[in-house]
Amino acid sequence: MEALFLIILILTSAFSIVIGLFLFNKPALSIEIQKKFYLLINWRIEPVSLKKEIRNTRIMGLSLIIISLITLTYLFIK
């Protein structure tokens, strides 16, 4: 059971790094994808400041990468 949990954590962290890289490298595209998703569920969203939203999306992506790398480092050191 513990091995399965470890594999799930590693896969989740790897997937999170991929998502974080996407958010960091393509923030405008990720914002457009989010806007299209919300239109599907009958909501319209628009950022007040696109410049700030892009900056915040990049910060979120970088944070996700860092947290995932810390998690992977902990798992492999443990």
PDB file of N, CA and C in Angstrom:
ATOM      1  N   MET A   1       0.821  -1.194   0.000  1.00  0.00           N
ATOM      2  CA  MET A   1       0.000   0.000   0.000  1.00  0.00           C
ATOM      3  C   MET A   1       0.866   1.261   0.000  1.00  0.00           C
ATOM      4  N   GLU A   2       1.941   1.230   0.776  1.00  0.00           N
ATOM      5  CA  GLU A   2       2.820   2.393   0.846  1.00  0.00           C
ATOM      6  C   GLU A   2       3.505   2.652  -0.497  1.00  0.00           C
ATOM      7  N   ALA A   3       3.851   1.580  -1.208  1.00  0.00           N
ATOM      8  CA  ALA A   3       4.499   1.739  -2.522  1.00  0.00           C
ATOM      9  C   ALA A   3       3.531   2.384  -3.516  1.00  0.00           C
ATOM     10  N   LEU A   4       2.274   1.989  -3.469  1.00  0.00           N
ATOM     11  CA  LEU A   4       1.270   2.579  -4.349  1.00  0.00           C
ATOM     12  C   LEU A   4       1.096   4.061  -4.053  1.00  0.00           C
ATOM     13  N   PHE A   5       1.066   4.412  -2.787  1.00  0.00           N
ATOM     14  CA  PHE A   5       0.941   5.807  -2.383  1.00  0.00           C
ATOM     15  C   PHE A   5       2.141   6.614  -2.869  1.00  0.00           C
ATOM     16  N   LEU A   6       3.331   6.046  -2.769  1.00  0.00           N
ATOM     17  CA  LEU A   6       4.548   6.709  -3.229  1.00  0.00           C
ATOM     18  C   LEU A   6       4.506   6.941  -4.743  1.00  0.00           C
ATOM     19  N   ILE A   7       4.058   5.955  -5.487  1.00  0.00           N
ATOM     20  CA  ILE A   7       3.941   6.085  -6.943  1.00  0.00           C
ATOM     21  C   ILE A   7       2.940   7.179  -7.296  1.00  0.00           C
ATOM     22  N   ILE A   8       1.820   7.222  -6.596  1.00  0.00           N
ATOM     23  CA  ILE A   8       0.803   8.249  -6.848  1.00  0.00           C
ATOM     24  C   ILE A   8       1.364   9.636  -6.559  1.00  0.00           C
ATOM     25  N   LEU A   9       2.112   9.776  -5.469  1.00  0.00           N
ATOM     26  CA  LEU A   9       2.717  11.075  -5.143  1.00  0.00           C
ATOM     27  C   LEU A   9       3.737  11.504  -6.197  1.00  0.00           C
ATOM     28  N   ILE A  10       4.533  10.568  -6.678  1.00  0.00           N
ATOM     29  CA  ILE A  10       5.528  10.882  -7.708  1.00  0.00           C
ATOM     30  C   ILE A  10       4.836  11.298  -9.002  1.00  0.00           C
ATOM     31  N   LEU A  11       3.819  10.559  -9.412  1.00  0.00           N
ATOM     32  CA  LEU A  11       3.092  10.894 -10.643  1.00  0.00           C
ATOM     33  C   LEU A  11       2.373  12.241 -10.515  1.00  0.00           C
ATOM     34  N   THR A  12       1.789  12.472  -9.366  1.00  0.00           N
ATOM     35  CA  THR A  12       1.103  13.748  -9.134  1.00  0.00           C
ATOM     36  C   THR A  12       2.094  14.910  -9.176  1.00  0.00           C
ATOM     37  N   SER A  13       3.243  14.732  -8.566  1.00  0.00           N
ATOM     38  CA  SER A  13       4.258  15.786  -8.575  1.00  0.00           C
ATOM     39  C   SER A  13       4.778  16.030  -9.992  1.00  0.00           C
ATOM     40  N   ALA A  14       5.009  14.966 -10.744  1.00  0.00           N
ATOM     41  CA  ALA A  14       5.489  15.115 -12.123  1.00  0.00           C
ATOM     42  C   ALA A  14       4.438  15.842 -12.969  1.00  0.00           C
ATOM     43  N   PHE A  15       3.179  15.462 -12.817  1.00  0.00           N
ATOM     44  CA  PHE A  15       2.100  16.120 -13.546  1.00  0.00           C
ATOM     45  C   PHE A  15       1.995  17.591 -13.144  1.00  0.00           C
ATOM     46  N   SER A  16       2.194  17.878 -11.869  1.00  0.00           N
ATOM     47  CA  SER A  16       2.141  19.258 -11.384  1.00  0.00           C
ATOM     48  C   SER A  16       3.274  20.096 -11.964  1.00  0.00           C
ATOM     49  N   ILE A  17       4.437  19.492 -12.145  1.00  0.00           N
ATOM     50  CA  ILE A  17       5.550  20.216 -12.767  1.00  0.00           C
ATOM     51  C   ILE A  17       5.202  20.561 -14.205  1.00  0.00           C
ATOM     52  N   VAL A  18       4.601  19.626 -14.925  1.00  0.00           N
ATOM     53  CA  VAL A  18       4.197  19.880 -16.314  1.00  0.00           C
ATOM     54  C   VAL A  18       3.174  21.017 -16.372  1.00  0.00           C
ATOM     55  N   ILE A  19       2.185  20.968 -15.506  1.00  0.00           N
ATOM     56  CA  ILE A  19       1.176  22.028 -15.453  1.00  0.00           C
ATOM     57  C   ILE A  19       1.824  23.364 -15.079  1.00  0.00           C
ATOM     58  N   GLY A  20       2.722  23.346 -14.097  1.00  0.00           N
ATOM     59  CA  GLY A  20       3.415  24.560 -13.694  1.00  0.00           C
ATOM     60  C   GLY A  20       4.238  25.160 -14.822  1.00  0.00           C
ATOM     61  N   LEU A  21       4.905  24.316 -15.593  1.00  0.00           N
ATOM     62  CA  LEU A  21       5.677  24.797 -16.740  1.00  0.00           C
ATOM     63  C   LEU A  21       4.758  25.439 -17.778  1.00  0.00           C
ATOM     64  N   PHE A  22       3.599  24.816 -17.997  1.00  0.00           N
ATOM     65  CA  PHE A  22       2.631  25.385 -18.942  1.00  0.00           C
ATOM     66  C   PHE A  22       2.149  26.752 -18.456  1.00  0.00           C
ATOM     67  N   LEU A  23       1.784  26.845 -17.187  1.00  0.00           N
ATOM     68  CA  LEU A  23       1.309  28.120 -16.639  1.00  0.00           C
ATOM     69  C   LEU A  23       2.387  29.194 -16.703  1.00  0.00           C
ATOM     70  N   PHE A  24       3.632  28.804 -16.451  1.00  0.00           N
ATOM     71  CA  PHE A  24       4.725  29.767 -16.459  1.00  0.00           C
ATOM     72  C   PHE A  24       5.066  30.215 -17.882  1.00  0.00           C
ATOM     73  N   ASN A  25       5.072  29.278 -18.822  1.00  0.00           N
ATOM     74  CA  ASN A  25       5.492  29.594 -20.193  1.00  0.00           C
ATOM     75  C   ASN A  25       4.374  30.149 -21.072  1.00  0.00           C
ATOM     76  N   LYS A  26       3.141  29.788 -20.811  1.00  0.00           N
ATOM     77  CA  LYS A  26       2.006  30.206 -21.640  1.00  0.00           C
ATOM     78  C   LYS A  26       0.872  30.764 -20.784  1.00  0.00           C
ATOM     79  N   PRO A  27       1.124  31.826 -20.028  1.00  0.00           N
ATOM     80  CA  PRO A  27       0.072  32.327 -19.134  1.00  0.00           C
ATOM     81  C   PRO A  27      -1.154  32.850 -19.883  1.00  0.00           C
ATOM     82  N   ALA A  28      -0.956  33.506 -21.019  1.00  0.00           N
ATOM     83  CA  ALA A  28      -2.107  34.048 -21.759  1.00  0.00           C
ATOM     84  C   ALA A  28      -2.994  32.915 -22.279  1.00  0.00           C
ATOM     85  N   LEU A  29      -2.376  31.843 -22.761  1.00  0.00           N
ATOM     86  CA  LEU A  29      -3.149  30.701 -23.252  1.00  0.00           C
ATOM     87  C   LEU A  29      -3.908  30.027 -22.118  1.00  0.00           C
ATOM     88  N   SER A  30      -3.278  29.905 -20.962  1.00  0.00           N
ATOM     89  CA  SER A  30      -3.975  29.275 -19.842  1.00  0.00           C
ATOM     90  C   SER A  30      -5.162  30.126 -19.380  1.00  0.00           C
ATOM     91  N   ILE A  31      -5.041  31.443 -19.468  1.00  0.00           N
ATOM     92  CA  ILE A  31      -6.157  32.328 -19.115  1.00  0.00           C
ATOM     93  C   ILE A  31      -7.294  32.145 -20.128  1.00  0.00           C
ATOM     94  N   GLU A  32      -6.964  32.039 -21.406  1.00  0.00           N
ATOM     95  CA  GLU A  32      -7.989  31.818 -22.436  1.00  0.00           C
ATOM     96  C   GLU A  32      -8.691  30.474 -22.244  1.00  0.00           C
ATOM     97  N   ILE A  33      -7.940  29.438 -21.898  1.00  0.00           N
ATOM     98  CA  ILE A  33      -8.542  28.121 -21.639  1.00  0.00           C
ATOM     99  C   ILE A  33      -9.508  28.217 -20.463  1.00  0.00           C
ATOM    100  N   GLN A  34      -9.110  28.931 -19.419  1.00  0.00           N
ATOM    101  CA  GLN A  34      -9.980  29.102 -18.258  1.00  0.00           C
ATOM    102  C   GLN A  34     -11.254  29.850 -18.647  1.00  0.00           C
ATOM    103  N   LYS A  35     -11.117  30.906 -19.453  1.00  0.00           N
ATOM    104  CA  LYS A  35     -12.286  31.669 -19.882  1.00  0.00           C
ATOM    105  C   LYS A  35     -13.244  30.789 -20.693  1.00  0.00           C
ATOM    106  N   LYS A  36     -12.711  29.948 -21.587  1.00  0.00           N
ATOM    107  CA  LYS A  36     -13.558  29.053 -22.391  1.00  0.00           C
ATOM    108  C   LYS A  36     -14.262  28.025 -21.515  1.00  0.00           C
ATOM    109  N   PHE A  37     -13.543  27.507 -20.508  1.00  0.00           N
ATOM    110  CA  PHE A  37     -14.167  26.548 -19.601  1.00  0.00           C
ATOM    111  C   PHE A  37     -15.340  27.189 -18.869  1.00  0.00           C
ATOM    112  N   TYR A  38     -15.146  28.397 -18.368  1.00  0.00           N
ATOM    113  CA  TYR A  38     -16.220  29.063 -17.639  1.00  0.00           C
ATOM    114  C   TYR A  38     -17.405  29.381 -18.540  1.00  0.00           C
ATOM    115  N   LEU A  39     -17.158  29.657 -19.816  1.00  0.00           N
ATOM    116  CA  LEU A  39     -18.275  29.862 -20.741  1.00  0.00           C
ATOM    117  C   LEU A  39     -19.115  28.594 -20.881  1.00  0.00           C
ATOM    118  N   LEU A  40     -18.459  27.429 -20.833  1.00  0.00           N
ATOM    119  CA  LEU A  40     -19.187  26.163 -20.924  1.00  0.00           C
ATOM    120  C   LEU A  40     -20.148  25.960 -19.762  1.00  0.00           C
ATOM    121  N   ILE A  41     -19.791  26.490 -18.602  1.00  0.00           N
ATOM    122  CA  ILE A  41     -20.677  26.334 -17.441  1.00  0.00           C
ATOM    123  C   ILE A  41     -21.470  27.610 -17.165  1.00  0.00           C
ATOM    124  N   ASN A  42     -21.630  28.419 -18.233  1.00  0.00           N
ATOM    125  CA  ASN A  42     -22.510  29.574 -18.202  1.00  0.00           C
ATOM    126  C   ASN A  42     -21.999  30.718 -17.332  1.00  0.00           C
ATOM    127  N   TRP A  43     -20.700  30.920 -17.307  1.00  0.00           N
ATOM    128  CA  TRP A  43     -20.108  32.043 -16.595  1.00  0.00           C
ATOM    129  C   TRP A  43     -19.190  32.780 -17.559  1.00  0.00           C
ATOM    130  N   ARG A  44     -19.137  34.076 -17.440  1.00  0.00           N
ATOM    131  CA  ARG A  44     -18.212  34.879 -18.228  1.00  0.00           C
ATOM    132  C   ARG A  44     -17.260  35.565 -17.257  1.00  0.00           C
ATOM    133  N   ILE A  45     -15.971  35.343 -17.457  1.00  0.00           N
ATOM    134  CA  ILE A  45     -14.981  35.980 -16.594  1.00  0.00           C
ATOM    135  C   ILE A  45     -14.023  36.794 -17.456  1.00  0.00           C
ATOM    136  N   GLU A  46     -13.621  37.909 -16.937  1.00  0.00           N
ATOM    137  CA  GLU A  46     -12.632  38.775 -17.590  1.00  0.00           C
ATOM    138  C   GLU A  46     -11.741  39.338 -16.497  1.00  0.00           C
ATOM    139  N   PRO A  47     -10.431  39.251 -16.683  1.00  0.00           N
ATOM    140  CA  PRO A  47      -9.552  39.869 -15.686  1.00  0.00           C
ATOM    141  C   PRO A  47      -9.659  41.389 -15.736  1.00  0.00           C
ATOM    142  N   VAL A  48      -9.560  42.015 -14.599  1.00  0.00           N
ATOM    143  CA  VAL A  48      -9.600  43.475 -14.530  1.00  0.00           C
ATOM    144  C   VAL A  48      -8.358  44.037 -15.222  1.00  0.00           C
ATOM    145  N   SER A  49      -7.211  43.418 -14.944  1.00  0.00           N
ATOM    146  CA  SER A  49      -5.958  43.836 -15.569  1.00  0.00           C
ATOM    147  C   SER A  49      -5.278  42.589 -16.130  1.00  0.00           C
ATOM    148  N   LEU A  50      -5.221  42.486 -17.456  1.00  0.00           N
ATOM    149  CA  LEU A  50      -4.614  41.318 -18.084  1.00  0.00           C
ATOM    150  C   LEU A  50      -3.133  41.231 -17.736  1.00  0.00           C
ATOM    151  N   LYS A  51      -2.461  42.367 -17.644  1.00  0.00           N
ATOM    152  CA  LYS A  51      -1.037  42.387 -17.298  1.00  0.00           C
ATOM    153  C   LYS A  51      -0.806  41.763 -15.918  1.00  0.00           C
ATOM    154  N   LYS A  52      -1.630  42.138 -14.937  1.00  0.00           N
ATOM    155  CA  LYS A  52      -1.509  41.570 -13.589  1.00  0.00           C
ATOM    156  C   LYS A  52      -1.887  40.097 -13.573  1.00  0.00           C
ATOM    157  N   GLU A  53      -2.895  39.734 -14.357  1.00  0.00           N
ATOM    158  CA  GLU A  53      -3.337  38.337 -14.399  1.00  0.00           C
ATOM    159  C   GLU A  53      -2.245  37.445 -14.984  1.00  0.00           C
ATOM    160  N   ILE A  54      -1.574  37.932 -16.023  1.00  0.00           N
ATOM    161  CA  ILE A  54      -0.471  37.165 -16.615  1.00  0.00           C
ATOM    162  C   ILE A  54       0.666  37.026 -15.599  1.00  0.00           C
ATOM    163  N   ARG A  55       0.991  38.102 -14.898  1.00  0.00           N
ATOM    164  CA  ARG A  55       2.042  38.044 -13.870  1.00  0.00           C
ATOM    165  C   ARG A  55       1.673  37.042 -12.775  1.00  0.00           C
ATOM    166  N   ASN A  56       0.425  37.105 -12.311  1.00  0.00           N
ATOM    167  CA  ASN A  56      -0.014  36.198 -11.248  1.00  0.00           C
ATOM    168  C   ASN A  56      -0.039  34.744 -11.714  1.00  0.00           C
ATOM    169  N   THR A  57      -0.402  34.517 -12.962  1.00  0.00           N
ATOM    170  CA  THR A  57      -0.413  33.156 -13.508  1.00  0.00           C
ATOM    171  C   THR A  57       1.004  32.606 -13.566  1.00  0.00           C
ATOM    172  N   ARG A  58       1.956  33.435 -13.971  1.00  0.00           N
ATOM    173  CA  ARG A  58       3.365  32.993 -13.988  1.00  0.00           C
ATOM    174  C   ARG A  58       3.858  32.675 -12.577  1.00  0.00           C
ATOM    175  N   ILE A  59       3.500  33.507 -11.615  1.00  0.00           N
ATOM    176  CA  ILE A  59       3.894  33.260 -10.224  1.00  0.00           C
ATOM    177  C   ILE A  59       3.277  31.957  -9.735  1.00  0.00           C
ATOM    178  N   MET A  60       2.006  31.718 -10.081  1.00  0.00           N
ATOM    179  CA  MET A  60       1.340  30.487  -9.684  1.00  0.00           C
ATOM    180  C   MET A  60       2.039  29.269 -10.294  1.00  0.00           C
ATOM    181  N   GLY A  61       2.414  29.370 -11.579  1.00  0.00           N
ATOM    182  CA  GLY A  61       3.120  28.273 -12.237  1.00  0.00           C
ATOM    183  C   GLY A  61       4.464  27.997 -11.592  1.00  0.00           C
ATOM    184  N   LEU A  62       5.214  29.048 -11.305  1.00  0.00           N
ATOM    185  CA  LEU A  62       6.514  28.891 -10.656  1.00  0.00           C
ATOM    186  C   LEU A  62       6.357  28.301  -9.261  1.00  0.00           C
ATOM    187  N   SER A  63       5.358  28.735  -8.524  1.00  0.00           N
ATOM    188  CA  SER A  63       5.097  28.186  -7.187  1.00  0.00           C
ATOM    189  C   SER A  63       4.769  26.704  -7.260  1.00  0.00           C
ATOM    190  N   LEU A  64       3.979  26.322  -8.243  1.00  0.00           N
ATOM    191  CA  LEU A  64       3.613  24.920  -8.419  1.00  0.00           C
ATOM    192  C   LEU A  64       4.846  24.075  -8.732  1.00  0.00           C
ATOM    193  N   ILE A  65       5.722  24.593  -9.581  1.00  0.00           N
ATOM    194  CA  ILE A  65       6.962  23.885  -9.912  1.00  0.00           C
ATOM    195  C   ILE A  65       7.826  23.714  -8.661  1.00  0.00           C
ATOM    196  N   ILE A  66       7.998  24.773  -7.900  1.00  0.00           N
ATOM    197  CA  ILE A  66       8.850  24.724  -6.706  1.00  0.00           C
ATOM    198  C   ILE A  66       8.298  23.747  -5.676  1.00  0.00           C
ATOM    199  N   ILE A  67       6.998  23.820  -5.410  1.00  0.00           N
ATOM    200  CA  ILE A  67       6.385  22.920  -4.425  1.00  0.00           C
ATOM    201  C   ILE A  67       6.501  21.468  -4.881  1.00  0.00           C
ATOM    202  N   SER A  68       6.315  21.221  -6.162  1.00  0.00           N
ATOM    203  CA  SER A  68       6.409  19.857  -6.688  1.00  0.00           C
ATOM    204  C   SER A  68       7.843  19.337  -6.602  1.00  0.00           C
ATOM    205  N   LEU A  69       8.817  20.191  -6.908  1.00  0.00           N
ATOM    206  CA  LEU A  69      10.215  19.772  -6.798  1.00  0.00           C
ATOM    207  C   LEU A  69      10.606  19.493  -5.340  1.00  0.00           C
ATOM    208  N   ILE A  70      10.103  20.295  -4.422  1.00  0.00           N
ATOM    209  CA  ILE A  70      10.353  20.045  -2.999  1.00  0.00           C
ATOM    210  C   ILE A  70       9.752  18.707  -2.591  1.00  0.00           C
ATOM    211  N   THR A  71       8.535  18.438  -3.061  1.00  0.00           N
ATOM    212  CA  THR A  71       7.876  17.173  -2.748  1.00  0.00           C
ATOM    213  C   THR A  71       8.678  15.995  -3.300  1.00  0.00           C
ATOM    214  N   LEU A  72       9.099  16.082  -4.559  1.00  0.00           N
ATOM    215  CA  LEU A  72       9.889  14.997  -5.161  1.00  0.00           C
ATOM    216  C   LEU A  72      11.216  14.814  -4.433  1.00  0.00           C
ATOM    217  N   THR A  73      11.856  15.921  -4.090  1.00  0.00           N
ATOM    218  CA  THR A  73      13.123  15.830  -3.356  1.00  0.00           C
ATOM    219  C   THR A  73      12.920  15.120  -2.029  1.00  0.00           C
ATOM    220  N   TYR A  74      11.886  15.485  -1.312  1.00  0.00           N
ATOM    221  CA  TYR A  74      11.583  14.842  -0.039  1.00  0.00           C
ATOM    222  C   TYR A  74      11.319  13.347  -0.225  1.00  0.00           C
ATOM    223  N   LEU A  75      10.566  12.998  -1.256  1.00  0.00           N
ATOM    224  CA  LEU A  75      10.233  11.584  -1.491  1.00  0.00           C
ATOM    225  C   LEU A  75      11.474  10.751  -1.808  1.00  0.00           C
ATOM    226  N   PHE A  76      12.404  11.331  -2.565  1.00  0.00           N
ATOM    227  CA  PHE A  76      13.579  10.563  -2.950  1.00  0.00           C
ATOM    228  C   PHE A  76      14.664  10.561  -1.871  1.00  0.00           C
ATOM    229  N   ILE A  77      14.668  11.574  -1.001  1.00  0.00           N
ATOM    230  CA  ILE A  77      15.621  11.583   0.103  1.00  0.00           C
ATOM    231  C   ILE A  77      15.159  10.635   1.209  1.00  0.00           C
ATOM    232  N   LYS A  78      13.873  10.602   1.412  1.00  0.00           N
ATOM    233  CA  LYS A  78      13.257   9.771   2.452  1.00  0.00           C
ATOM    234  C   LYS A  78      13.577   8.348   2.174  1.00  0.00           C
TER     235      LYS A  78
END
